[in-house]
Structure formats: C-alpha cells, structure tokens
PDB file of N, CA and C in Angstrom:
ATOM      1  N   UNK A   1     -34.280  14.673 -39.162  1.00  0.00           N
ATOM      2  CA  UNK A   1     -35.609  14.452 -39.668  1.00  0.00           C
ATOM      3  C   UNK A   1     -36.603  15.191 -38.771  1.00  0.00           C
ATOM      4  N   UNK A   2     -37.546  15.883 -39.395  1.00  0.00           N
ATOM      5  CA  UNK A   2     -38.543  16.631 -38.643  1.00  0.00           C
ATOM      6  C   UNK A   2     -39.569  15.686 -38.037  1.00  0.00           C
ATOM      7  N   UNK A   3     -40.097  16.086 -36.891  1.00  0.00           N
ATOM      8  CA  UNK A   3     -41.125  15.316 -36.209  1.00  0.00           C
ATOM      9  C   UNK A   3     -42.470  15.949 -36.503  1.00  0.00           C
ATOM     10  N   UNK A   4     -43.431  15.130 -36.945  1.00  0.00           N
ATOM     11  CA  UNK A   4     -44.771  15.636 -37.234  1.00  0.00           C
ATOM     12  C   UNK A   4     -45.536  15.806 -35.932  1.00  0.00           C
ATOM     13  N   UNK A   5     -46.217  16.937 -35.792  1.00  0.00           N
ATOM     14  CA  UNK A   5     -47.014  17.204 -34.599  1.00  0.00           C
ATOM     15  C   UNK A   5     -48.479  17.140 -34.991  1.00  0.00           C
ATOM     16  N   UNK A   6     -49.225  16.309 -34.321  1.00  0.00           N
ATOM     17  CA  UNK A   6     -50.650  16.149 -34.592  1.00  0.00           C
ATOM     18  C   UNK A   6     -51.405  16.740 -33.423  1.00  0.00           C
ATOM     19  N   UNK A   7     -52.197  17.770 -33.718  1.00  0.00           N
ATOM     20  CA  UNK A   7     -52.937  18.460 -32.661  1.00  0.00           C
ATOM     21  C   UNK A   7     -54.416  18.074 -32.658  1.00  0.00           C
ATOM     22  N   UNK A   8     -54.982  17.829 -33.857  1.00  0.00           N
ATOM     23  CA  UNK A   8     -56.410  17.523 -33.966  1.00  0.00           C
ATOM     24  C   UNK A   8     -56.584  16.213 -34.723  1.00  0.00           C
ATOM     25  N   UNK A   9     -57.786  15.674 -34.608  1.00  0.00           N
ATOM     26  CA  UNK A   9     -58.088  14.430 -35.310  1.00  0.00           C
ATOM     27  C   UNK A   9     -58.000  14.601 -36.817  1.00  0.00           C
ATOM     28  N   UNK A  10     -58.243  15.802 -37.289  1.00  0.00           N
ATOM     29  CA  UNK A  10     -58.244  16.045 -38.738  1.00  0.00           C
ATOM     30  C   UNK A  10     -56.842  16.227 -39.305  1.00  0.00           C
ATOM     31  N   UNK A  11     -55.853  16.416 -38.418  1.00  0.00           N
ATOM     32  CA  UNK A  11     -54.466  16.543 -38.902  1.00  0.00           C
ATOM     33  C   UNK A  11     -54.011  15.205 -39.465  1.00  0.00           C
ATOM     34  N   UNK A  12     -53.174  15.278 -40.439  1.00  0.00           N
ATOM     35  CA  UNK A  12     -52.657  14.058 -41.037  1.00  0.00           C
ATOM     36  C   UNK A  12     -51.156  14.132 -41.198  1.00  0.00           C
ATOM     37  N   UNK A  13     -50.569  13.001 -41.569  1.00  0.00           N
ATOM     38  CA  UNK A  13     -49.123  12.919 -41.775  1.00  0.00           C
ATOM     39  C   UNK A  13     -48.878  12.403 -43.180  1.00  0.00           C
ATOM     40  N   UNK A  14     -47.992  13.068 -43.882  1.00  0.00           N
ATOM     41  CA  UNK A  14     -47.552  12.579 -45.186  1.00  0.00           C
ATOM     42  C   UNK A  14     -46.106  12.142 -45.038  1.00  0.00           C
ATOM     43  N   UNK A  15     -45.783  10.985 -45.576  1.00  0.00           N
ATOM     44  CA  UNK A  15     -44.416  10.478 -45.493  1.00  0.00           C
ATOM     45  C   UNK A  15     -44.107   9.628 -46.717  1.00  0.00           C
ATOM     46  N   UNK A  16     -42.836   9.410 -46.905  1.00  0.00           N
ATOM     47  CA  UNK A  16     -42.394   8.589 -48.031  1.00  0.00           C
ATOM     48  C   UNK A  16     -42.063   7.203 -47.507  1.00  0.00           C
ATOM     49  N   UNK A  17     -42.686   6.186 -48.098  1.00  0.00           N
ATOM     50  CA  UNK A  17     -42.436   4.823 -47.625  1.00  0.00           C
ATOM     51  C   UNK A  17     -41.145   4.279 -48.226  1.00  0.00           C
ATOM     52  N   UNK A  18     -40.844   3.023 -47.939  1.00  0.00           N
ATOM     53  CA  UNK A  18     -39.581   2.406 -48.364  1.00  0.00           C
ATOM     54  C   UNK A  18     -39.455   2.332 -49.881  1.00  0.00           C
ATOM     55  N   UNK A  19     -40.585   2.268 -50.603  1.00  0.00           N
ATOM     56  CA  UNK A  19     -40.548   2.199 -52.074  1.00  0.00           C
ATOM     57  C   UNK A  19     -40.517   3.566 -52.729  1.00  0.00           C
ATOM     58  N   UNK A  20     -40.590   4.642 -51.933  1.00  0.00           N
ATOM     59  CA  UNK A  20     -40.543   5.988 -52.481  1.00  0.00           C
ATOM     60  C   UNK A  20     -41.913   6.578 -52.752  1.00  0.00           C
ATOM     61  N   UNK A  21     -42.983   5.900 -52.368  1.00  0.00           N
ATOM     62  CA  UNK A  21     -44.346   6.398 -52.578  1.00  0.00           C
ATOM     63  C   UNK A  21     -44.734   7.321 -51.421  1.00  0.00           C
ATOM     64  N   UNK A  22     -45.472   8.379 -51.733  1.00  0.00           N
ATOM     65  CA  UNK A  22     -45.953   9.306 -50.714  1.00  0.00           C
ATOM     66  C   UNK A  22     -47.224   8.720 -50.101  1.00  0.00           C
ATOM     67  N   UNK A  23     -47.221   8.577 -48.798  1.00  0.00           N
ATOM     68  CA  UNK A  23     -48.367   8.025 -48.071  1.00  0.00           C
ATOM     69  C   UNK A  23     -48.931   9.112 -47.157  1.00  0.00           C
ATOM     70  N   UNK A  24     -50.270   9.073 -46.953  1.00  0.00           N
ATOM     71  CA  UNK A  24     -50.923  10.025 -46.044  1.00  0.00           C
ATOM     72  C   UNK A  24     -51.709   9.227 -45.021  1.00  0.00           C
ATOM     73  N   UNK A  25     -51.508   9.574 -43.756  1.00  0.00           N
ATOM     74  CA  UNK A  25     -52.212   8.908 -42.665  1.00  0.00           C
ATOM     75  C   UNK A  25     -53.027   9.957 -41.925  1.00  0.00           C
ATOM     76  N   UNK A  26     -54.309   9.665 -41.752  1.00  0.00           N
ATOM     77  CA  UNK A  26     -55.149  10.586 -40.999  1.00  0.00           C
ATOM     78  C   UNK A  26     -55.631   9.949 -39.691  1.00  0.00           C
ATOM     79  N   UNK A  27     -55.485   8.649 -39.538  1.00  0.00           N
ATOM     80  CA  UNK A  27     -55.884   7.957 -38.323  1.00  0.00           C
ATOM     81  C   UNK A  27     -54.702   7.998 -37.340  1.00  0.00           C
ATOM     82  N   UNK A  28     -54.900   8.583 -36.171  1.00  0.00           N
ATOM     83  CA  UNK A  28     -53.792   8.751 -35.218  1.00  0.00           C
ATOM     84  C   UNK A  28     -53.225   7.429 -34.737  1.00  0.00           C
ATOM     85  N   UNK A  29     -54.064   6.446 -34.529  1.00  0.00           N
ATOM     86  CA  UNK A  29     -53.576   5.133 -34.086  1.00  0.00           C
ATOM     87  C   UNK A  29     -52.688   4.496 -35.132  1.00  0.00           C
ATOM     88  N   UNK A  30     -53.124   4.587 -36.383  1.00  0.00           N
ATOM     89  CA  UNK A  30     -52.333   4.039 -37.489  1.00  0.00           C
ATOM     90  C   UNK A  30     -51.042   4.837 -37.669  1.00  0.00           C
ATOM     91  N   UNK A  31     -51.127   6.150 -37.459  1.00  0.00           N
ATOM     92  CA  UNK A  31     -49.948   6.999 -37.607  1.00  0.00           C
ATOM     93  C   UNK A  31     -48.865   6.617 -36.604  1.00  0.00           C
ATOM     94  N   UNK A  32     -49.290   6.295 -35.405  1.00  0.00           N
ATOM     95  CA  UNK A  32     -48.308   5.964 -34.376  1.00  0.00           C
ATOM     96  C   UNK A  32     -47.547   4.688 -34.716  1.00  0.00           C
ATOM     97  N   UNK A  33     -48.239   3.720 -35.308  1.00  0.00           N
ATOM     98  CA  UNK A  33     -47.570   2.454 -35.623  1.00  0.00           C
ATOM     99  C   UNK A  33     -46.870   2.477 -36.967  1.00  0.00           C
ATOM    100  N   UNK A  34     -47.378   3.241 -37.917  1.00  0.00           N
ATOM    101  CA  UNK A  34     -46.808   3.248 -39.264  1.00  0.00           C
ATOM    102  C   UNK A  34     -45.621   4.196 -39.392  1.00  0.00           C
ATOM    103  N   UNK A  35     -45.751   5.410 -38.858  1.00  0.00           N
ATOM    104  CA  UNK A  35     -44.709   6.416 -39.043  1.00  0.00           C
ATOM    105  C   UNK A  35     -43.491   6.139 -38.177  1.00  0.00           C
ATOM    106  N   UNK A  36     -43.679   5.439 -37.073  1.00  0.00           N
ATOM    107  CA  UNK A  36     -42.544   5.143 -36.193  1.00  0.00           C
ATOM    108  C   UNK A  36     -41.680   4.075 -36.851  1.00  0.00           C
ATOM    109  N   UNK A  37     -40.384   4.208 -36.775  1.00  0.00           N
ATOM    110  CA  UNK A  37     -39.520   3.192 -37.376  1.00  0.00           C
ATOM    111  C   UNK A  37     -39.631   1.871 -36.615  1.00  0.00           C
ATOM    112  N   UNK A  38     -39.554   0.796 -37.358  1.00  0.00           N
ATOM    113  CA  UNK A  38     -39.630  -0.528 -36.733  1.00  0.00           C
ATOM    114  C   UNK A  38     -38.323  -0.800 -35.982  1.00  0.00           C
ATOM    115  N   UNK A  39     -38.454  -1.222 -34.766  1.00  0.00           N
ATOM    116  CA  UNK A  39     -37.272  -1.524 -33.958  1.00  0.00           C
ATOM    117  C   UNK A  39     -36.879  -2.977 -34.164  1.00  0.00           C
ATOM    118  N   UNK A  40     -35.605  -3.172 -34.410  1.00  0.00           N
ATOM    119  CA  UNK A  40     -35.108  -4.535 -34.549  1.00  0.00           C
ATOM    120  C   UNK A  40     -34.842  -5.094 -33.153  1.00  0.00           C
ATOM    121  N   UNK A  41     -35.189  -6.341 -32.934  1.00  0.00           N
ATOM    122  CA  UNK A  41     -34.899  -6.911 -31.606  1.00  0.00           C
ATOM    123  C   UNK A  41     -33.389  -6.989 -31.405  1.00  0.00           C
ATOM    124  N   UNK A  42     -32.973  -6.648 -30.206  1.00  0.00           N
ATOM    125  CA  UNK A  42     -31.540  -6.689 -29.909  1.00  0.00           C
ATOM    126  C   UNK A  42     -31.078  -8.134 -29.780  1.00  0.00           C
ATOM    127  N   UNK A  43     -29.865  -8.339 -30.238  1.00  0.00           N
ATOM    128  CA  UNK A  43     -29.272  -9.660 -30.115  1.00  0.00           C
ATOM    129  C   UNK A  43     -28.949  -9.899 -28.643  1.00  0.00           C
ATOM    130  N   UNK A  44     -29.398 -11.019 -28.130  1.00  0.00           N
ATOM    131  CA  UNK A  44     -29.177 -11.328 -26.728  1.00  0.00           C
ATOM    132  C   UNK A  44     -27.729 -11.770 -26.548  1.00  0.00           C
ATOM    133  N   UNK A  45     -27.041 -11.104 -25.634  1.00  0.00           N
ATOM    134  CA  UNK A  45     -25.651 -11.438 -25.371  1.00  0.00           C
ATOM    135  C   UNK A  45     -25.575 -12.610 -24.402  1.00  0.00           C
ATOM    136  N   UNK A  46     -24.664 -13.489 -24.684  1.00  0.00           N
ATOM    137  CA  UNK A  46     -24.452 -14.608 -23.776  1.00  0.00           C
ATOM    138  C   UNK A  46     -23.257 -14.270 -22.896  1.00  0.00           C
ATOM    139  N   UNK A  47     -23.537 -13.967 -21.660  1.00  0.00           N
ATOM    140  CA  UNK A  47     -22.488 -13.627 -20.714  1.00  0.00           C
ATOM    141  C   UNK A  47     -22.125 -14.887 -19.938  1.00  0.00           C
ATOM    142  N   UNK A  48     -20.869 -15.311 -20.022  1.00  0.00           N
ATOM    143  CA  UNK A  48     -20.493 -16.533 -19.311  1.00  0.00           C
ATOM    144  C   UNK A  48     -20.548 -16.326 -17.800  1.00  0.00           C
ATOM    145  N   UNK A  49     -21.047 -17.310 -17.122  1.00  0.00           N
ATOM    146  CA  UNK A  49     -21.137 -17.281 -15.670  1.00  0.00           C
ATOM    147  C   UNK A  49     -20.134 -18.298 -15.134  1.00  0.00           C
ATOM    148  N   UNK A  50     -19.181 -17.853 -14.320  1.00  0.00           N
ATOM    149  CA  UNK A  50     -18.173 -18.796 -13.820  1.00  0.00           C
ATOM    150  C   UNK A  50     -18.799 -19.803 -12.854  1.00  0.00           C
ATOM    151  N   UNK A  51     -18.293 -20.990 -12.916  1.00  0.00           N
ATOM    152  CA  UNK A  51     -18.748 -22.029 -12.003  1.00  0.00           C
ATOM    153  C   UNK A  51     -17.851 -22.037 -10.774  1.00  0.00           C
ATOM    154  N   UNK A  52     -18.449 -22.158  -9.622  1.00  0.00           N
ATOM    155  CA  UNK A  52     -17.688 -22.218  -8.378  1.00  0.00           C
ATOM    156  C   UNK A  52     -17.827 -23.632  -7.833  1.00  0.00           C
ATOM    157  N   UNK A  53     -16.694 -24.293  -7.703  1.00  0.00           N
ATOM    158  CA  UNK A  53     -16.709 -25.653  -7.170  1.00  0.00           C
ATOM    159  C   UNK A  53     -15.723 -25.743  -6.020  1.00  0.00           C
ATOM    160  N   UNK A  54     -16.087 -26.505  -5.053  1.00  0.00           N
ATOM    161  CA  UNK A  54     -15.207 -26.693  -3.900  1.00  0.00           C
ATOM    162  C   UNK A  54     -14.229 -27.815  -4.213  1.00  0.00           C
ATOM    163  N   UNK A  55     -12.971 -27.563  -3.935  1.00  0.00           N
ATOM    164  CA  UNK A  55     -11.938 -28.558  -4.168  1.00  0.00           C
ATOM    165  C   UNK A  55     -11.799 -29.366  -2.885  1.00  0.00           C
ATOM    166  N   UNK A  56     -12.286 -30.590  -2.928  1.00  0.00           N
ATOM    167  CA  UNK A  56     -12.293 -31.423  -1.734  1.00  0.00           C
ATOM    168  C   UNK A  56     -10.910 -31.829  -1.270  1.00  0.00           C
ATOM    169  N   UNK A  57      -9.992 -32.028  -2.206  1.00  0.00           N
ATOM    170  CA  UNK A  57      -8.656 -32.508  -1.860  1.00  0.00           C
ATOM    171  C   UNK A  57      -7.652 -31.367  -1.735  1.00  0.00           C
ATOM    172  N   UNK A  58      -8.111 -30.127  -1.511  1.00  0.00           N
ATOM    173  CA  UNK A  58      -7.203 -28.986  -1.468  1.00  0.00           C
ATOM    174  C   UNK A  58      -6.169 -29.142  -0.360  1.00  0.00           C
ATOM    175  N   UNK A  59      -6.601 -29.523   0.824  1.00  0.00           N
ATOM    176  CA  UNK A  59      -5.677 -29.675   1.960  1.00  0.00           C
ATOM    177  C   UNK A  59      -4.619 -30.734   1.671  1.00  0.00           C
ATOM    178  N   UNK A  60      -5.013 -31.794   0.954  1.00  0.00           N
ATOM    179  CA  UNK A  60      -4.053 -32.854   0.636  1.00  0.00           C
ATOM    180  C   UNK A  60      -3.128 -32.442  -0.511  1.00  0.00           C
ATOM    181  N   UNK A  61      -3.635 -31.682  -1.463  1.00  0.00           N
ATOM    182  CA  UNK A  61      -2.847 -31.305  -2.635  1.00  0.00           C
ATOM    183  C   UNK A  61      -1.883 -30.146  -2.375  1.00  0.00           C
ATOM    184  N   UNK A  62      -2.244 -29.225  -1.482  1.00  0.00           N
ATOM    185  CA  UNK A  62      -1.412 -28.053  -1.212  1.00  0.00           C
ATOM    186  C   UNK A  62      -0.748 -28.235   0.147  1.00  0.00           C
ATOM    187  N   UNK A  63       0.569 -28.344   0.155  1.00  0.00           N
ATOM    188  CA  UNK A  63       1.259 -28.566   1.430  1.00  0.00           C
ATOM    189  C   UNK A  63       1.157 -27.341   2.337  1.00  0.00           C
ATOM    190  N   UNK A  64       1.204 -27.529   3.651  1.00  0.00           N
ATOM    191  CA  UNK A  64       1.107 -26.397   4.575  1.00  0.00           C
ATOM    192  C   UNK A  64       2.282 -25.425   4.450  1.00  0.00           C
ATOM    193  N   UNK A  65       3.381 -25.849   3.848  1.00  0.00           N
ATOM    194  CA  UNK A  65       4.555 -24.977   3.694  1.00  0.00           C
ATOM    195  C   UNK A  65       4.481 -24.141   2.407  1.00  0.00           C
ATOM    196  N   UNK A  66       3.414 -24.283   1.637  1.00  0.00           N
ATOM    197  CA  UNK A  66       3.284 -23.539   0.385  1.00  0.00           C
ATOM    198  C   UNK A  66       3.238 -22.043   0.670  1.00  0.00           C
ATOM    199  N   UNK A  67       4.027 -21.293  -0.100  1.00  0.00           N
ATOM    200  CA  UNK A  67       4.049 -19.840   0.023  1.00  0.00           C
ATOM    201  C   UNK A  67       3.643 -19.248  -1.316  1.00  0.00           C
ATOM    202  N   UNK A  68       2.745 -18.307  -1.282  1.00  0.00           N
ATOM    203  CA  UNK A  68       2.272 -17.664  -2.502  1.00  0.00           C
ATOM    204  C   UNK A  68       3.430 -16.911  -3.153  1.00  0.00           C
ATOM    205  N   UNK A  69       3.681 -17.112  -4.461  1.00  0.00           N
ATOM    206  CA  UNK A  69       4.795 -16.420  -5.117  1.00  0.00           C
ATOM    207  C   UNK A  69       4.543 -14.911  -5.197  1.00  0.00           C
ATOM    208  N   UNK A  70       5.593 -14.134  -4.914  1.00  0.00           N
ATOM    209  CA  UNK A  70       5.477 -12.679  -4.950  1.00  0.00           C
ATOM    210  C   UNK A  70       5.258 -12.144  -6.364  1.00  0.00           C
ATOM    211  N   UNK A  71       5.665 -12.887  -7.378  1.00  0.00           N
ATOM    212  CA  UNK A  71       5.541 -12.423  -8.754  1.00  0.00           C
ATOM    213  C   UNK A  71       4.079 -12.246  -9.164  1.00  0.00           C
ATOM    214  N   UNK A  72       3.176 -12.943  -8.528  1.00  0.00           N
ATOM    215  CA  UNK A  72       1.770 -12.856  -8.893  1.00  0.00           C
ATOM    216  C   UNK A  72       0.997 -11.872  -8.023  1.00  0.00           C
ATOM    217  N   UNK A  73       1.613 -11.354  -6.982  1.00  0.00           N
ATOM    218  CA  UNK A  73       0.918 -10.482  -6.046  1.00  0.00           C
ATOM    219  C   UNK A  73       1.315  -9.046  -6.310  1.00  0.00           C
ATOM    220  N   UNK A  74       0.345  -8.167  -6.528  1.00  0.00           N
ATOM    221  CA  UNK A  74       0.636  -6.757  -6.773  1.00  0.00           C
ATOM    222  C   UNK A  74       0.610  -5.953  -5.486  1.00  0.00           C
ATOM    223  N   UNK A  75      -0.312  -6.268  -4.610  1.00  0.00           N
ATOM    224  CA  UNK A  75      -0.439  -5.499  -3.378  1.00  0.00           C
ATOM    225  C   UNK A  75      -1.116  -6.353  -2.319  1.00  0.00           C
ATOM    226  N   UNK A  76      -0.566  -6.335  -1.141  1.00  0.00           N
ATOM    227  CA  UNK A  76      -1.196  -6.994  -0.004  1.00  0.00           C
ATOM    228  C   UNK A  76      -1.564  -5.897   0.980  1.00  0.00           C
ATOM    229  N   UNK A  77      -2.833  -5.821   1.317  1.00  0.00           N
ATOM    230  CA  UNK A  77      -3.275  -4.789   2.237  1.00  0.00           C
ATOM    231  C   UNK A  77      -2.673  -5.017   3.616  1.00  0.00           C
ATOM    232  N   UNK A  78      -2.166  -3.948   4.219  1.00  0.00           N
ATOM    233  CA  UNK A  78      -1.616  -4.101   5.568  1.00  0.00           C
ATOM    234  C   UNK A  78      -2.736  -4.292   6.589  1.00  0.00           C
ATOM    235  N   UNK A  79      -2.388  -4.963   7.665  1.00  0.00           N
ATOM    236  CA  UNK A  79      -3.358  -5.170   8.742  1.00  0.00           C
ATOM    237  C   UNK A  79      -3.557  -3.854   9.476  1.00  0.00           C
ATOM    238  N   UNK A  80      -4.649  -3.744  10.213  1.00  0.00           N
ATOM    239  CA  UNK A  80      -5.002  -2.503  10.897  1.00  0.00           C
ATOM    240  C   UNK A  80      -3.894  -2.060  11.843  1.00  0.00           C
ATOM    241  N   UNK A  81      -3.314  -2.983  12.594  1.00  0.00           N
ATOM    242  CA  UNK A  81      -2.248  -2.606  13.528  1.00  0.00           C
ATOM    243  C   UNK A  81      -0.984  -2.149  12.805  1.00  0.00           C
ATOM    244  N   UNK A  82      -0.737  -2.688  11.595  1.00  0.00           N
ATOM    245  CA  UNK A  82       0.417  -2.247  10.812  1.00  0.00           C
ATOM    246  C   UNK A  82       0.210  -0.824  10.291  1.00  0.00           C
ATOM    247  N   UNK A  83      -1.004  -0.482   9.936  1.00  0.00           N
ATOM    248  CA  UNK A  83      -1.301   0.855   9.432  1.00  0.00           C
ATOM    249  C   UNK A  83      -1.110   1.884  10.540  1.00  0.00           C
ATOM    250  N   UNK A  84      -1.534   1.551  11.756  1.00  0.00           N
ATOM    251  CA  UNK A  84      -1.402   2.476  12.879  1.00  0.00           C
ATOM    252  C   UNK A  84       0.055   2.741  13.224  1.00  0.00           C
ATOM    253  N   UNK A  85       0.941   1.751  13.028  1.00  0.00           N
ATOM    254  CA  UNK A  85       2.349   1.879  13.378  1.00  0.00           C
ATOM    255  C   UNK A  85       3.170   2.540  12.273  1.00  0.00           C
ATOM    256  N   UNK A  86       2.686   2.512  11.038  1.00  0.00           N
ATOM    257  CA  UNK A  86       3.497   2.993   9.920  1.00  0.00           C
ATOM    258  C   UNK A  86       3.363   4.503   9.737  1.00  0.00           C
ATOM    259  N   UNK A  87       4.407   5.071   9.108  1.00  0.00           N
ATOM    260  CA  UNK A  87       4.412   6.490   8.778  1.00  0.00           C
ATOM    261  C   UNK A  87       4.663   6.587   7.283  1.00  0.00           C
ATOM    262  N   UNK A  88       3.827   7.340   6.584  1.00  0.00           N
ATOM    263  CA  UNK A  88       4.000   7.510   5.152  1.00  0.00           C
ATOM    264  C   UNK A  88       4.579   8.887   4.885  1.00  0.00           C
ATOM    265  N   UNK A  89       5.655   8.927   4.076  1.00  0.00           N
ATOM    266  CA  UNK A  89       6.311  10.189   3.782  1.00  0.00           C
ATOM    267  C   UNK A  89       6.817  10.138   2.349  1.00  0.00           C
ATOM    268  N   UNK A  90       6.564  11.173   1.594  1.00  0.00           N
ATOM    269  CA  UNK A  90       7.056  11.260   0.218  1.00  0.00           C
ATOM    270  C   UNK A  90       8.324  12.098   0.204  1.00  0.00           C
ATOM    271  N   UNK A  91       9.398  11.489  -0.253  1.00  0.00           N
ATOM    272  CA  UNK A  91      10.699  12.156  -0.315  1.00  0.00           C
ATOM    273  C   UNK A  91      10.736  13.057  -1.548  1.00  0.00           C
ATOM    274  N   UNK A  92      11.075  14.335  -1.375  1.00  0.00           N
ATOM    275  CA  UNK A  92      11.207  15.225  -2.523  1.00  0.00           C
ATOM    276  C   UNK A  92      12.687  15.490  -2.794  1.00  0.00           C
ATOM    277  N   UNK A  93      12.976  16.320  -3.781  1.00  0.00           N
ATOM    278  CA  UNK A  93      14.363  16.586  -4.178  1.00  0.00           C
ATOM    279  C   UNK A  93      15.184  17.226  -3.076  1.00  0.00           C
ATOM    280  N   UNK A  94      14.576  18.113  -2.313  1.00  0.00           N
ATOM    281  CA  UNK A  94      15.283  18.768  -1.216  1.00  0.00           C
ATOM    282  C   UNK A  94      15.677  17.762  -0.129  1.00  0.00           C
ATOM    283  N   UNK A  95      14.773  16.823   0.148  1.00  0.00           N
ATOM    284  CA  UNK A  95      15.073  15.784   1.130  1.00  0.00           C
ATOM    285  C   UNK A  95      16.205  14.877   0.647  1.00  0.00           C
ATOM    286  N   UNK A  96      16.180  14.520  -0.626  1.00  0.00           N
ATOM    287  CA  UNK A  96      17.238  13.670  -1.173  1.00  0.00           C
ATOM    288  C   UNK A  96      18.596  14.366  -1.090  1.00  0.00           C
ATOM    289  N   UNK A  97      18.639  15.669  -1.391  1.00  0.00           N
ATOM    290  CA  UNK A  97      19.898  16.420  -1.306  1.00  0.00           C
ATOM    291  C   UNK A  97      20.405  16.447   0.131  1.00  0.00           C
ATOM    292  N   UNK A  98      19.508  16.629   1.102  1.00  0.00           N
ATOM    293  CA  UNK A  98      19.917  16.658   2.509  1.00  0.00           C
ATOM    294  C   UNK A  98      20.496  15.305   2.909  1.00  0.00           C
ATOM    295  N   UNK A  99      19.841  14.217   2.462  1.00  0.00           N
ATOM    296  CA  UNK A  99      20.340  12.874   2.801  1.00  0.00           C
ATOM    297  C   UNK A  99      21.720  12.625   2.194  1.00  0.00           C
ATOM    298  N   UNK A 100      21.952  13.102   0.966  1.00  0.00           N
ATOM    299  CA  UNK A 100      23.254  12.927   0.334  1.00  0.00           C
ATOM    300  C   UNK A 100      24.347  13.680   1.090  1.00  0.00           C
ATOM    301  N   UNK A 101      24.021  14.863   1.620  1.00  0.00           N
ATOM    302  CA  UNK A 101      25.005  15.672   2.348  1.00  0.00           C
ATOM    303  C   UNK A 101      25.180  15.266   3.802  1.00  0.00           C
ATOM    304  N   UNK A 102      24.307  14.432   4.320  1.00  0.00           N
ATOM    305  CA  UNK A 102      24.372  13.988   5.719  1.00  0.00           C
ATOM    306  C   UNK A 102      24.319  12.470   5.802  1.00  0.00           C
ATOM    307  N   UNK A 103      25.390  11.801   5.388  1.00  0.00           N
ATOM    308  CA  UNK A 103      25.396  10.334   5.468  1.00  0.00           C
ATOM    309  C   UNK A 103      25.416   9.894   6.931  1.00  0.00           C
ATOM    310  N   UNK A 104      24.998   8.724   7.195  1.00  0.00           N
ATOM    311  CA  UNK A 104      24.977   8.192   8.575  1.00  0.00           C
ATOM    312  C   UNK A 104      26.358   7.963   9.085  1.00  0.00           C
TER     313      UNK A 104
END
C-alpha cells in the first residue's frame, strides 16, 4: 500500500473507507487519526510466576545418607582443583589404531 505524503496544508488524502466509499481529508490532524489503521489492543499474556517456599522439615524428611540419583544428573561441574589436575584429549582414529597395536 502506498503512503500518502502531505507537504502543505492544502494537500489532501483520498482513501476508501470500510464501506467502499471514497473519502477526502484535508485537515492534517484528522488525516493522522483517520487514515492510520486502528490498532487492536494486544492480549495480555499471563505468565506464571513460580512460588518459592522454604521446606521447614527438609532436614527431618531427607536423611543425611541420601545420594542424588545419577539418572537425573546430566553434568556436574568439576571443582577448580579438579580442572587444574585433569588433562583433556580427543582420541582420533590414528590414536585408536596405535592403542590396538600396542596393548599394555
């Protein structure tokens, strides 16, 4: 759709209204409100907010011997001292062939 450019007060805008009638606007203030499409108010989204509550009986309900199941854990970050001691190496096909030919 083309945009009408109004340079002088005497310029006007002709447009077709919702019923198909040709309308002419010469008042710039009226043109700004009439020719612009009416904006529908956006539907307000309801975003759920989680509630945080302290479990008072946690120490009594969870025994000190409880261990977190590994099935639910994807990754545990290593401690800083563990990172300093570890060596990361990616084994490629040539390395695998060497290991196969040189068993311990």
